[in-house]
């Protein structure tokens, strides 16, 4: 099968095995590299990160953290659409970068590194620039 011959497939399998051993809360941020050093994973090809953003979220944050992040991003995509920010080139460029970064099955770098996270969150800020704020007065 084609997918079994991909260079990253072993990284994906390792991430899935880590996720299966730590389903709810994962192994913790940036602890994937420490987890793969354990004897349980010696039969698999290991790396410092799984080379895919969703596998990294699942293995490091578990299903709880993954769902939180996906709800967070979905909310901001919804706000982007609701506020019609796609007419501004800066917002649109940020959206395209964020959406491309979150595409499943595309190999990627580690999300929780200084380079990857910096580029992602700068583009996320550009995407959300100009969103209308909720005017709630909590002290009434």
N, C-alpha and C. Protein backbone atom coordinates (compact mmCIF):
# COMPACT_ATOMS: atom_id res chain seq x y z
N UNK A 1 0.83 -1.18 0.00
CA UNK A 1 0.00 0.00 0.00
C UNK A 1 0.88 1.24 0.00
N UNK A 2 0.44 2.30 -0.65
CA UNK A 2 1.22 3.52 -0.81
C UNK A 2 1.54 4.17 0.52
N UNK A 3 0.56 4.25 1.43
CA UNK A 3 0.76 4.95 2.69
C UNK A 3 1.79 4.27 3.58
N UNK A 4 1.93 2.98 3.47
CA UNK A 4 2.92 2.27 4.28
C UNK A 4 4.34 2.60 3.86
N UNK A 5 4.53 3.07 2.63
CA UNK A 5 5.86 3.39 2.14
C UNK A 5 6.27 4.83 2.39
N UNK A 6 5.38 5.65 2.90
CA UNK A 6 5.72 7.04 3.19
C UNK A 6 6.76 7.12 4.30
N UNK A 7 7.65 8.11 4.19
CA UNK A 7 8.69 8.30 5.20
C UNK A 7 8.10 8.61 6.58
N UNK A 8 6.99 9.31 6.61
CA UNK A 8 6.42 9.76 7.87
C UNK A 8 5.49 8.75 8.53
N UNK A 9 5.15 7.67 7.86
CA UNK A 9 4.18 6.73 8.40
C UNK A 9 4.63 6.14 9.74
N UNK A 10 5.90 5.87 9.90
CA UNK A 10 6.39 5.35 11.18
C UNK A 10 6.22 6.38 12.29
N UNK A 11 6.42 7.66 11.97
CA UNK A 11 6.21 8.71 12.96
C UNK A 11 4.74 8.76 13.36
N UNK A 12 3.85 8.61 12.39
CA UNK A 12 2.41 8.63 12.66
C UNK A 12 2.03 7.45 13.56
N UNK A 13 2.58 6.28 13.25
CA UNK A 13 2.27 5.09 14.06
C UNK A 13 2.74 5.26 15.51
N UNK A 14 3.91 5.86 15.68
CA UNK A 14 4.42 6.11 17.03
C UNK A 14 3.50 7.07 17.76
N UNK A 15 3.07 8.13 17.10
CA UNK A 15 2.17 9.11 17.72
C UNK A 15 0.84 8.46 18.10
N UNK A 16 0.34 7.60 17.25
CA UNK A 16 -0.92 6.90 17.55
C UNK A 16 -0.75 5.98 18.75
N UNK A 17 0.39 5.31 18.83
CA UNK A 17 0.64 4.43 19.97
C UNK A 17 0.76 5.24 21.26
N UNK A 18 1.41 6.40 21.20
CA UNK A 18 1.50 7.27 22.38
C UNK A 18 0.10 7.75 22.78
N UNK A 19 -0.69 8.14 21.79
CA UNK A 19 -2.06 8.58 22.07
C UNK A 19 -2.87 7.45 22.72
N UNK A 20 -2.76 6.25 22.19
CA UNK A 20 -3.51 5.12 22.75
C UNK A 20 -3.12 4.82 24.20
N UNK A 21 -1.88 5.12 24.56
CA UNK A 21 -1.44 4.90 25.94
C UNK A 21 -1.80 6.06 26.87
N UNK A 22 -2.15 7.22 26.30
CA UNK A 22 -2.47 8.42 27.09
C UNK A 22 -3.64 9.16 26.45
N UNK A 23 -4.79 8.52 26.37
CA UNK A 23 -5.90 9.03 25.56
C UNK A 23 -6.48 10.35 26.04
N UNK A 24 -6.70 10.53 27.31
CA UNK A 24 -7.46 11.69 27.76
C UNK A 24 -6.64 12.97 27.84
N UNK A 25 -5.45 12.92 28.41
CA UNK A 25 -4.68 14.14 28.63
C UNK A 25 -3.32 14.14 27.93
N UNK A 26 -2.98 13.11 27.21
CA UNK A 26 -1.72 13.07 26.49
C UNK A 26 -0.52 12.99 27.41
N UNK A 27 0.65 13.21 26.84
CA UNK A 27 1.88 13.14 27.62
C UNK A 27 2.36 14.52 28.06
N UNK A 28 1.69 15.56 27.62
CA UNK A 28 2.07 16.93 28.01
C UNK A 28 2.79 17.64 26.89
N UNK A 29 2.71 18.96 26.93
CA UNK A 29 3.35 19.77 25.90
C UNK A 29 4.85 19.51 25.81
N UNK A 30 5.32 19.31 24.61
CA UNK A 30 6.73 19.09 24.29
C UNK A 30 7.32 17.88 25.01
N UNK A 31 6.48 16.93 25.42
CA UNK A 31 6.97 15.71 26.07
C UNK A 31 6.98 14.51 25.14
N UNK A 32 6.59 14.70 23.90
CA UNK A 32 6.62 13.61 22.92
C UNK A 32 8.04 13.07 22.79
N UNK A 33 9.00 13.97 22.71
CA UNK A 33 10.41 13.57 22.53
C UNK A 33 10.92 12.76 23.71
N UNK A 34 10.39 13.05 24.90
CA UNK A 34 10.78 12.27 26.08
C UNK A 34 10.07 10.93 26.12
N UNK A 35 8.82 10.92 25.69
CA UNK A 35 8.01 9.70 25.72
C UNK A 35 8.55 8.64 24.76
N UNK A 36 9.02 9.05 23.57
CA UNK A 36 9.50 8.07 22.60
C UNK A 36 10.81 7.41 23.05
N UNK A 37 11.46 7.98 24.03
CA UNK A 37 12.68 7.38 24.56
C UNK A 37 12.42 6.20 25.48
N UNK A 38 11.18 5.98 25.84
CA UNK A 38 10.84 4.87 26.73
C UNK A 38 10.94 3.54 26.00
N UNK A 39 11.16 2.49 26.75
CA UNK A 39 11.37 1.16 26.19
C UNK A 39 10.18 0.65 25.38
N UNK A 40 8.99 1.12 25.69
CA UNK A 40 7.77 0.69 25.00
C UNK A 40 7.82 1.00 23.51
N UNK A 41 8.51 2.06 23.15
CA UNK A 41 8.50 2.54 21.76
C UNK A 41 9.79 2.22 21.00
N UNK A 42 10.67 1.38 21.55
CA UNK A 42 11.94 1.09 20.89
C UNK A 42 11.78 0.34 19.58
N UNK A 43 10.69 -0.38 19.40
CA UNK A 43 10.50 -1.13 18.16
C UNK A 43 10.03 -0.24 17.01
N UNK A 44 9.64 1.00 17.31
CA UNK A 44 9.17 1.93 16.30
C UNK A 44 10.25 2.96 15.97
N UNK A 45 10.18 3.48 14.75
CA UNK A 45 11.09 4.56 14.35
C UNK A 45 10.63 5.83 15.04
N UNK A 46 11.51 6.46 15.80
CA UNK A 46 11.10 7.62 16.59
C UNK A 46 11.76 8.90 16.11
N UNK A 47 11.18 10.00 16.52
CA UNK A 47 11.67 11.32 16.20
C UNK A 47 11.29 12.23 17.36
N UNK A 48 11.69 13.49 17.30
CA UNK A 48 11.35 14.42 18.37
C UNK A 48 9.93 14.93 18.29
N UNK A 49 9.27 14.75 17.14
CA UNK A 49 7.87 15.11 16.97
C UNK A 49 7.28 14.24 15.86
N UNK A 50 5.95 14.10 15.82
CA UNK A 50 5.35 13.16 14.88
C UNK A 50 5.23 13.65 13.43
N UNK A 51 5.64 14.85 13.13
CA UNK A 51 5.63 15.39 11.76
C UNK A 51 4.22 15.56 11.20
N UNK A 52 3.24 15.69 12.05
CA UNK A 52 1.86 15.97 11.62
C UNK A 52 1.16 16.63 12.80
N UNK A 53 0.55 17.77 12.54
CA UNK A 53 0.03 18.62 13.62
C UNK A 53 -1.07 17.94 14.44
N UNK A 54 -1.98 17.23 13.79
CA UNK A 54 -3.07 16.59 14.53
C UNK A 54 -2.57 15.43 15.39
N UNK A 55 -1.61 14.67 14.88
CA UNK A 55 -1.02 13.60 15.69
C UNK A 55 -0.24 14.19 16.87
N UNK A 56 0.39 15.33 16.65
CA UNK A 56 1.10 15.99 17.74
C UNK A 56 0.12 16.46 18.82
N UNK A 57 -0.97 17.08 18.40
CA UNK A 57 -1.99 17.51 19.37
C UNK A 57 -2.53 16.32 20.15
N UNK A 58 -2.88 15.25 19.46
CA UNK A 58 -3.47 14.09 20.13
C UNK A 58 -2.49 13.42 21.08
N UNK A 59 -1.25 13.24 20.66
CA UNK A 59 -0.29 12.54 21.51
C UNK A 59 0.16 13.39 22.70
N UNK A 60 0.28 14.70 22.52
CA UNK A 60 0.76 15.55 23.60
C UNK A 60 -0.35 16.13 24.47
N UNK A 61 -1.53 16.36 23.90
CA UNK A 61 -2.62 16.99 24.66
C UNK A 61 -3.77 16.04 24.96
N UNK A 62 -3.81 14.90 24.29
CA UNK A 62 -4.91 13.96 24.48
C UNK A 62 -6.17 14.48 23.83
N UNK A 63 -7.25 13.73 24.02
CA UNK A 63 -8.52 14.09 23.38
C UNK A 63 -9.10 15.37 24.00
N UNK A 64 -8.87 15.61 25.28
CA UNK A 64 -9.38 16.81 25.94
C UNK A 64 -8.75 18.07 25.33
N UNK A 65 -7.44 18.10 25.25
CA UNK A 65 -6.75 19.26 24.67
C UNK A 65 -7.03 19.42 23.19
N UNK A 66 -7.13 18.29 22.48
CA UNK A 66 -7.42 18.33 21.04
C UNK A 66 -8.79 18.95 20.78
N UNK A 67 -9.80 18.50 21.53
CA UNK A 67 -11.14 19.06 21.35
C UNK A 67 -11.18 20.53 21.71
N UNK A 68 -10.49 20.92 22.76
CA UNK A 68 -10.43 22.33 23.15
C UNK A 68 -9.84 23.17 22.02
N UNK A 69 -8.73 22.73 21.46
CA UNK A 69 -8.10 23.48 20.36
C UNK A 69 -8.97 23.53 19.11
N UNK A 70 -9.60 22.43 18.76
CA UNK A 70 -10.45 22.42 17.56
C UNK A 70 -11.69 23.30 17.74
N UNK A 71 -12.26 23.33 18.94
CA UNK A 71 -13.39 24.23 19.21
C UNK A 71 -12.92 25.68 19.15
N UNK A 72 -11.75 25.96 19.70
CA UNK A 72 -11.18 27.30 19.66
C UNK A 72 -10.98 27.78 18.23
N UNK A 73 -10.36 26.94 17.39
CA UNK A 73 -10.13 27.33 16.00
C UNK A 73 -11.43 27.42 15.22
N UNK A 74 -12.35 26.51 15.45
CA UNK A 74 -13.65 26.55 14.76
C UNK A 74 -14.40 27.83 15.10
N UNK A 75 -14.36 28.23 16.35
CA UNK A 75 -15.02 29.47 16.77
C UNK A 75 -14.44 30.67 16.01
N UNK A 76 -13.12 30.73 15.90
CA UNK A 76 -12.50 31.86 15.21
C UNK A 76 -12.72 31.82 13.71
N UNK A 77 -12.80 30.64 13.12
CA UNK A 77 -13.16 30.56 11.70
C UNK A 77 -14.59 31.05 11.49
N UNK A 78 -15.48 30.69 12.43
CA UNK A 78 -16.86 31.14 12.36
C UNK A 78 -16.93 32.67 12.48
N UNK A 79 -16.19 33.26 13.44
CA UNK A 79 -16.16 34.71 13.60
C UNK A 79 -15.59 35.39 12.35
N UNK A 80 -14.59 34.78 11.74
CA UNK A 80 -14.00 35.31 10.52
C UNK A 80 -15.07 35.41 9.43
N UNK A 81 -15.80 34.35 9.26
CA UNK A 81 -16.86 34.31 8.24
C UNK A 81 -18.00 35.27 8.57
N UNK A 82 -18.40 35.30 9.84
CA UNK A 82 -19.51 36.14 10.27
C UNK A 82 -19.20 37.63 10.08
N UNK A 83 -17.97 38.02 10.37
CA UNK A 83 -17.58 39.42 10.26
C UNK A 83 -17.11 39.80 8.86
N UNK A 84 -17.19 38.86 7.92
CA UNK A 84 -16.84 39.10 6.51
C UNK A 84 -15.45 39.71 6.36
N UNK A 85 -14.47 39.10 7.06
CA UNK A 85 -13.11 39.61 7.01
C UNK A 85 -12.35 39.14 5.78
N UNK A 86 -12.98 38.30 4.95
CA UNK A 86 -12.30 37.78 3.76
C UNK A 86 -12.12 38.84 2.69
N UNK A 87 -12.65 40.04 2.88
CA UNK A 87 -12.45 41.13 1.91
C UNK A 87 -11.13 41.86 2.13
N UNK A 88 -10.51 41.68 3.28
CA UNK A 88 -9.24 42.31 3.60
C UNK A 88 -8.10 41.32 3.31
N UNK A 89 -7.11 41.76 2.54
CA UNK A 89 -6.03 40.86 2.14
C UNK A 89 -5.21 40.34 3.31
N UNK A 90 -4.99 41.18 4.32
CA UNK A 90 -4.20 40.77 5.48
C UNK A 90 -4.93 39.66 6.25
N UNK A 91 -6.22 39.85 6.47
CA UNK A 91 -7.01 38.82 7.15
C UNK A 91 -7.07 37.53 6.34
N UNK A 92 -7.25 37.67 5.05
CA UNK A 92 -7.34 36.50 4.18
C UNK A 92 -6.03 35.72 4.14
N UNK A 93 -4.91 36.44 4.10
CA UNK A 93 -3.60 35.78 4.11
C UNK A 93 -3.40 35.00 5.41
N UNK A 94 -3.79 35.61 6.53
CA UNK A 94 -3.69 34.92 7.81
C UNK A 94 -4.57 33.67 7.85
N UNK A 95 -5.80 33.79 7.32
CA UNK A 95 -6.70 32.64 7.28
C UNK A 95 -6.13 31.52 6.44
N UNK A 96 -5.60 31.84 5.28
CA UNK A 96 -5.05 30.81 4.39
C UNK A 96 -3.89 30.08 5.06
N UNK A 97 -3.02 30.81 5.74
CA UNK A 97 -1.89 30.17 6.42
C UNK A 97 -2.39 29.25 7.55
N UNK A 98 -3.31 29.76 8.37
CA UNK A 98 -3.83 28.97 9.50
C UNK A 98 -4.56 27.73 9.00
N UNK A 99 -5.42 27.92 7.99
CA UNK A 99 -6.18 26.78 7.46
C UNK A 99 -5.26 25.74 6.84
N UNK A 100 -4.24 26.18 6.13
CA UNK A 100 -3.28 25.25 5.53
C UNK A 100 -2.49 24.52 6.61
N UNK A 101 -2.15 25.21 7.67
CA UNK A 101 -1.41 24.59 8.77
C UNK A 101 -2.22 23.50 9.46
N UNK A 102 -3.54 23.67 9.48
CA UNK A 102 -4.40 22.72 10.18
C UNK A 102 -4.94 21.61 9.29
N UNK A 103 -4.53 21.58 8.03
CA UNK A 103 -4.99 20.51 7.14
C UNK A 103 -4.49 19.16 7.65
N UNK A 104 -5.38 18.18 7.74
CA UNK A 104 -4.93 16.86 8.20
C UNK A 104 -4.14 16.12 7.11
N UNK A 105 -3.29 15.24 7.55
CA UNK A 105 -2.48 14.33 6.73
C UNK A 105 -1.35 14.99 5.95
N UNK A 106 -1.20 16.31 6.02
CA UNK A 106 -0.03 16.94 5.42
C UNK A 106 1.10 16.92 6.43
N UNK A 107 2.27 16.46 6.05
CA UNK A 107 3.40 16.50 6.99
C UNK A 107 3.72 17.93 7.39
N UNK A 108 4.09 18.12 8.63
CA UNK A 108 4.40 19.45 9.12
C UNK A 108 5.51 19.35 10.15
N UNK A 109 6.01 20.49 10.52
CA UNK A 109 7.00 20.54 11.59
C UNK A 109 6.30 20.47 12.93
N UNK A 110 7.06 20.58 13.97
CA UNK A 110 6.49 20.56 15.31
C UNK A 110 5.74 21.87 15.55
N UNK A 111 4.53 21.77 16.06
CA UNK A 111 3.72 22.96 16.30
C UNK A 111 4.19 23.71 17.54
N UNK A 112 4.64 22.99 18.55
CA UNK A 112 4.98 23.59 19.82
C UNK A 112 6.47 23.96 19.91
N UNK A 113 7.02 24.46 18.82
CA UNK A 113 8.39 24.96 18.83
C UNK A 113 8.34 26.47 18.66
N UNK A 114 9.45 27.12 18.87
CA UNK A 114 9.46 28.58 18.77
C UNK A 114 9.20 29.04 17.33
N UNK A 115 9.81 28.39 16.34
CA UNK A 115 9.61 28.81 14.95
C UNK A 115 8.20 28.52 14.46
N UNK A 116 7.76 27.30 14.63
CA UNK A 116 6.44 26.92 14.15
C UNK A 116 5.32 27.69 14.83
N UNK A 117 5.39 27.80 16.13
CA UNK A 117 4.34 28.49 16.88
C UNK A 117 4.35 29.99 16.58
N UNK A 118 5.52 30.59 16.43
CA UNK A 118 5.60 32.02 16.14
C UNK A 118 4.93 32.34 14.81
N UNK A 119 5.27 31.59 13.78
CA UNK A 119 4.64 31.83 12.47
C UNK A 119 3.13 31.60 12.52
N UNK A 120 2.72 30.53 13.18
CA UNK A 120 1.30 30.22 13.26
C UNK A 120 0.54 31.32 13.99
N UNK A 121 0.99 31.72 15.17
CA UNK A 121 0.23 32.68 15.97
C UNK A 121 0.28 34.08 15.39
N UNK A 122 1.34 34.44 14.68
CA UNK A 122 1.36 35.74 13.97
C UNK A 122 0.29 35.75 12.88
N UNK A 123 0.20 34.67 12.13
CA UNK A 123 -0.82 34.58 11.08
C UNK A 123 -2.22 34.47 11.68
N UNK A 124 -2.35 33.80 12.81
CA UNK A 124 -3.63 33.74 13.49
C UNK A 124 -4.06 35.14 13.93
N UNK A 125 -3.11 35.93 14.42
CA UNK A 125 -3.42 37.30 14.82
C UNK A 125 -3.86 38.13 13.61
N UNK A 126 -3.19 37.95 12.47
CA UNK A 126 -3.60 38.66 11.25
C UNK A 126 -5.00 38.23 10.83
N UNK A 127 -5.32 36.94 10.99
CA UNK A 127 -6.63 36.44 10.62
C UNK A 127 -7.72 37.07 11.49
N UNK A 128 -7.46 37.22 12.76
CA UNK A 128 -8.47 37.72 13.68
C UNK A 128 -8.46 39.24 13.81
N UNK A 129 -7.54 39.91 13.17
CA UNK A 129 -7.46 41.36 13.22
C UNK A 129 -8.75 41.97 12.68
N UNK A 130 -9.39 42.80 13.45
CA UNK A 130 -10.59 43.47 13.00
C UNK A 130 -11.89 42.76 13.34
N UNK A 131 -11.82 41.66 14.07
CA UNK A 131 -13.06 40.99 14.48
C UNK A 131 -13.79 41.87 15.49
N UNK A 132 -15.10 41.91 15.36
CA UNK A 132 -15.91 42.71 16.28
C UNK A 132 -15.86 42.09 17.66
N UNK A 133 -15.78 42.96 18.64
CA UNK A 133 -15.75 42.50 20.02
C UNK A 133 -17.15 42.39 20.56
N UNK A 134 -17.35 41.47 21.46
CA UNK A 134 -18.63 41.37 22.16
C UNK A 134 -18.68 42.44 23.23
N UNK A 135 -19.73 43.21 23.25
CA UNK A 135 -19.85 44.29 24.24
C UNK A 135 -20.71 43.82 25.42
N UNK A 136 -20.12 43.00 26.25
CA UNK A 136 -20.81 42.53 27.43
C UNK A 136 -20.41 43.41 28.61
N UNK A 137 -21.39 43.80 29.37
CA UNK A 137 -21.11 44.57 30.57
C UNK A 137 -21.40 43.66 31.76
N UNK A 138 -20.35 43.12 32.34
CA UNK A 138 -20.51 42.16 33.42
C UNK A 138 -20.83 42.82 34.76
N UNK A 139 -20.67 44.14 34.83
CA UNK A 139 -20.84 44.81 36.10
C UNK A 139 -22.17 45.54 36.23
N UNK A 140 -23.14 45.25 35.36
CA UNK A 140 -24.46 45.87 35.45
C UNK A 140 -25.28 45.21 36.51
